[in-house]
Amino acid sequence: MSPLTAADPTAIQQSWQDTIHARSDSAVWSLLDYALQSPAINAASAAKILAMSAHRSRAGIEQLEAEGILHTISTSRRNRI
């Protein structure tokens, strides 16, 4: 299998979908779509854009981090990206 690149967002999305183990109504699925459109996200902006609670957004982002799909790039406890 060749490495995934940003030139093929459909392949990236399919790879992510194959990796995730979540219920069909999980915030993770909305967050995946949002992450493809805006690669630098935080819980507050995701919650606002996706019309979900900040708690649900944070939980979904933490699951995506645990799956290795998203990675935290800031070191502060608050306002992480």
N, C-alpha and C. Protein backbone atom coordinates (compact mmCIF):
# COMPACT_ATOMS: atom_id res chain seq x y z
N MET A 1 0.84 -1.18 0.00
CA MET A 1 0.00 0.00 0.00
C MET A 1 0.88 1.24 0.00
N SER A 2 0.58 2.18 -0.88
CA SER A 2 1.38 3.39 -0.95
C SER A 2 0.98 4.35 0.17
N PRO A 3 1.89 5.23 0.57
CA PRO A 3 1.58 6.18 1.64
C PRO A 3 0.46 7.14 1.21
N LEU A 4 -0.33 7.56 2.18
CA LEU A 4 -1.41 8.49 1.90
C LEU A 4 -0.86 9.91 1.86
N THR A 5 -1.37 10.70 0.94
CA THR A 5 -0.97 12.10 0.84
C THR A 5 -2.21 12.98 0.83
N ALA A 6 -2.00 14.25 1.08
CA ALA A 6 -3.11 15.20 1.07
C ALA A 6 -3.74 15.33 -0.32
N ALA A 7 -3.05 14.85 -1.33
CA ALA A 7 -3.58 14.90 -2.69
C ALA A 7 -4.75 13.95 -2.88
N ASP A 8 -4.93 13.01 -1.95
CA ASP A 8 -6.00 12.04 -2.07
C ASP A 8 -6.85 12.02 -0.79
N PRO A 9 -7.67 13.06 -0.58
CA PRO A 9 -8.45 13.13 0.66
C PRO A 9 -9.45 11.99 0.81
N THR A 10 -9.95 11.44 -0.28
CA THR A 10 -10.89 10.32 -0.19
C THR A 10 -10.21 9.10 0.41
N ALA A 11 -8.98 8.84 0.02
CA ALA A 11 -8.24 7.70 0.58
C ALA A 11 -7.93 7.93 2.04
N ILE A 12 -7.61 9.17 2.40
CA ILE A 12 -7.35 9.49 3.80
C ILE A 12 -8.60 9.26 4.63
N GLN A 13 -9.73 9.76 4.15
CA GLN A 13 -10.98 9.60 4.87
C GLN A 13 -11.34 8.13 5.02
N GLN A 14 -11.16 7.35 3.99
CA GLN A 14 -11.47 5.92 4.06
C GLN A 14 -10.56 5.21 5.06
N SER A 15 -9.30 5.58 5.06
CA SER A 15 -8.35 5.01 6.02
C SER A 15 -8.77 5.32 7.45
N TRP A 16 -9.16 6.57 7.68
CA TRP A 16 -9.62 6.96 9.01
C TRP A 16 -10.86 6.18 9.41
N GLN A 17 -11.81 6.06 8.47
CA GLN A 17 -13.05 5.35 8.77
C GLN A 17 -12.79 3.88 9.10
N ASP A 18 -11.81 3.30 8.45
CA ASP A 18 -11.45 1.90 8.73
C ASP A 18 -10.78 1.75 10.09
N THR A 19 -10.16 2.81 10.58
CA THR A 19 -9.44 2.78 11.85
C THR A 19 -10.36 2.96 13.06
N ILE A 20 -11.40 3.77 12.90
CA ILE A 20 -12.26 4.16 14.02
C ILE A 20 -13.23 3.05 14.40
N HIS A 21 -13.36 2.86 15.70
CA HIS A 21 -14.35 1.94 16.25
C HIS A 21 -15.27 2.78 17.15
N ALA A 22 -16.38 3.24 16.58
CA ALA A 22 -17.29 4.11 17.32
C ALA A 22 -18.72 3.86 16.85
N ARG A 23 -19.66 4.22 17.72
CA ARG A 23 -21.07 4.11 17.35
C ARG A 23 -21.37 5.04 16.19
N SER A 24 -22.42 4.72 15.47
CA SER A 24 -22.76 5.53 14.29
C SER A 24 -23.17 6.95 14.65
N ASP A 25 -23.64 7.18 15.89
CA ASP A 25 -24.03 8.53 16.29
C ASP A 25 -22.94 9.26 17.07
N SER A 26 -21.75 8.72 17.08
CA SER A 26 -20.63 9.33 17.79
C SER A 26 -20.21 10.63 17.13
N ALA A 27 -19.75 11.57 17.95
CA ALA A 27 -19.23 12.85 17.45
C ALA A 27 -18.01 12.65 16.56
N VAL A 28 -17.36 11.52 16.72
CA VAL A 28 -16.13 11.23 15.96
C VAL A 28 -16.36 11.37 14.46
N TRP A 29 -17.48 10.91 13.96
CA TRP A 29 -17.72 10.93 12.51
C TRP A 29 -17.83 12.37 11.99
N SER A 30 -18.51 13.22 12.72
CA SER A 30 -18.59 14.64 12.31
C SER A 30 -17.22 15.30 12.41
N LEU A 31 -16.49 14.96 13.45
CA LEU A 31 -15.15 15.53 13.64
C LEU A 31 -14.19 15.09 12.54
N LEU A 32 -14.34 13.86 12.05
CA LEU A 32 -13.49 13.40 10.95
C LEU A 32 -13.69 14.27 9.71
N ASP A 33 -14.95 14.51 9.37
CA ASP A 33 -15.24 15.34 8.20
C ASP A 33 -14.70 16.75 8.40
N TYR A 34 -14.88 17.27 9.60
CA TYR A 34 -14.40 18.62 9.91
C TYR A 34 -12.87 18.69 9.83
N ALA A 35 -12.20 17.66 10.31
CA ALA A 35 -10.73 17.63 10.29
C ALA A 35 -10.19 17.64 8.86
N LEU A 36 -10.90 17.04 7.93
CA LEU A 36 -10.47 17.08 6.54
C LEU A 36 -10.59 18.48 5.96
N GLN A 37 -11.58 19.24 6.40
CA GLN A 37 -11.78 20.59 5.90
C GLN A 37 -10.88 21.60 6.60
N SER A 38 -10.58 21.33 7.87
CA SER A 38 -9.80 22.26 8.69
C SER A 38 -8.83 21.46 9.55
N PRO A 39 -7.64 21.19 9.06
CA PRO A 39 -6.72 20.29 9.76
C PRO A 39 -6.27 20.74 11.15
N ALA A 40 -6.35 22.03 11.45
CA ALA A 40 -5.99 22.51 12.79
C ALA A 40 -7.30 22.84 13.51
N ILE A 41 -7.73 21.97 14.40
CA ILE A 41 -9.00 22.17 15.09
C ILE A 41 -8.78 22.17 16.60
N ASN A 42 -9.73 22.75 17.30
CA ASN A 42 -9.76 22.64 18.75
C ASN A 42 -11.20 22.34 19.15
N ALA A 43 -11.40 21.94 20.39
CA ALA A 43 -12.72 21.50 20.84
C ALA A 43 -13.75 22.62 20.77
N ALA A 44 -13.36 23.83 21.13
CA ALA A 44 -14.31 24.95 21.12
C ALA A 44 -14.80 25.27 19.71
N SER A 45 -13.88 25.37 18.77
CA SER A 45 -14.29 25.69 17.40
C SER A 45 -15.08 24.55 16.78
N ALA A 46 -14.67 23.33 17.03
CA ALA A 46 -15.41 22.17 16.50
C ALA A 46 -16.82 22.13 17.07
N ALA A 47 -16.96 22.38 18.35
CA ALA A 47 -18.28 22.37 18.99
C ALA A 47 -19.19 23.42 18.36
N LYS A 48 -18.65 24.60 18.13
CA LYS A 48 -19.44 25.69 17.56
C LYS A 48 -19.85 25.37 16.12
N ILE A 49 -18.90 24.98 15.30
CA ILE A 49 -19.16 24.71 13.88
C ILE A 49 -20.09 23.51 13.71
N LEU A 50 -19.90 22.49 14.53
CA LEU A 50 -20.68 21.24 14.38
C LEU A 50 -21.92 21.20 15.26
N ALA A 51 -22.19 22.29 15.97
CA ALA A 51 -23.39 22.40 16.82
C ALA A 51 -23.50 21.24 17.81
N MET A 52 -22.41 21.04 18.55
CA MET A 52 -22.40 20.01 19.60
C MET A 52 -21.82 20.63 20.86
N SER A 53 -22.00 19.94 21.97
CA SER A 53 -21.46 20.46 23.22
C SER A 53 -19.93 20.41 23.21
N ALA A 54 -19.32 21.28 23.99
CA ALA A 54 -17.86 21.28 24.10
C ALA A 54 -17.38 19.95 24.68
N HIS A 55 -18.13 19.40 25.62
CA HIS A 55 -17.76 18.12 26.22
C HIS A 55 -17.75 17.01 25.16
N ARG A 56 -18.77 16.96 24.33
CA ARG A 56 -18.85 15.94 23.28
C ARG A 56 -17.72 16.14 22.26
N SER A 57 -17.43 17.38 21.93
CA SER A 57 -16.35 17.68 21.00
C SER A 57 -15.00 17.23 21.57
N ARG A 58 -14.74 17.58 22.84
CA ARG A 58 -13.48 17.16 23.48
C ARG A 58 -13.35 15.64 23.52
N ALA A 59 -14.44 14.96 23.86
CA ALA A 59 -14.40 13.50 23.93
C ALA A 59 -14.09 12.90 22.56
N GLY A 60 -14.70 13.45 21.52
CA GLY A 60 -14.44 12.96 20.17
C GLY A 60 -13.01 13.21 19.73
N ILE A 61 -12.49 14.38 20.04
CA ILE A 61 -11.11 14.70 19.69
C ILE A 61 -10.15 13.78 20.45
N GLU A 62 -10.44 13.54 21.72
CA GLU A 62 -9.58 12.63 22.49
C GLU A 62 -9.60 11.22 21.91
N GLN A 63 -10.75 10.78 21.42
CA GLN A 63 -10.81 9.45 20.78
C GLN A 63 -9.99 9.43 19.50
N LEU A 64 -10.08 10.50 18.72
CA LEU A 64 -9.29 10.57 17.48
C LEU A 64 -7.79 10.62 17.78
N GLU A 65 -7.43 11.27 18.88
CA GLU A 65 -6.01 11.27 19.29
C GLU A 65 -5.59 9.86 19.70
N ALA A 66 -6.44 9.17 20.44
CA ALA A 66 -6.12 7.81 20.88
C ALA A 66 -5.97 6.86 19.69
N GLU A 67 -6.71 7.11 18.63
CA GLU A 67 -6.64 6.27 17.42
C GLU A 67 -5.46 6.66 16.53
N GLY A 68 -4.77 7.78 16.87
CA GLY A 68 -3.62 8.21 16.08
C GLY A 68 -3.98 9.03 14.86
N ILE A 69 -5.22 9.50 14.79
CA ILE A 69 -5.66 10.28 13.64
C ILE A 69 -5.35 11.76 13.83
N LEU A 70 -5.62 12.28 15.02
CA LEU A 70 -5.27 13.65 15.35
C LEU A 70 -4.12 13.66 16.34
N HIS A 71 -3.35 14.73 16.32
CA HIS A 71 -2.22 14.88 17.23
C HIS A 71 -2.24 16.30 17.80
N THR A 72 -2.05 16.40 19.10
CA THR A 72 -1.98 17.71 19.74
C THR A 72 -0.65 18.36 19.40
N ILE A 73 -0.72 19.63 18.98
CA ILE A 73 0.53 20.31 18.63
C ILE A 73 0.87 21.41 19.62
N SER A 74 -0.06 21.79 20.49
CA SER A 74 0.24 22.80 21.49
C SER A 74 0.43 22.10 22.85
N THR A 75 1.15 22.74 23.73
CA THR A 75 1.48 22.09 25.01
C THR A 75 0.65 22.59 26.16
N SER A 76 -0.11 23.66 25.98
CA SER A 76 -0.89 24.19 27.09
C SER A 76 -2.09 23.28 27.39
N ARG A 77 -2.52 23.28 28.62
CA ARG A 77 -3.68 22.48 29.02
C ARG A 77 -4.95 23.05 28.41
N ARG A 78 -5.04 24.37 28.34
CA ARG A 78 -6.20 25.03 27.75
C ARG A 78 -5.89 25.45 26.32
N ASN A 79 -6.92 25.57 25.55
CA ASN A 79 -6.80 26.03 24.16
C ASN A 79 -5.84 25.17 23.33
N ARG A 80 -5.90 23.87 23.55
CA ARG A 80 -5.04 22.97 22.79
C ARG A 80 -5.46 22.92 21.34
N ILE A 81 -4.49 22.74 20.46
CA ILE A 81 -4.74 22.58 19.02
C ILE A 81 -4.11 21.26 18.60
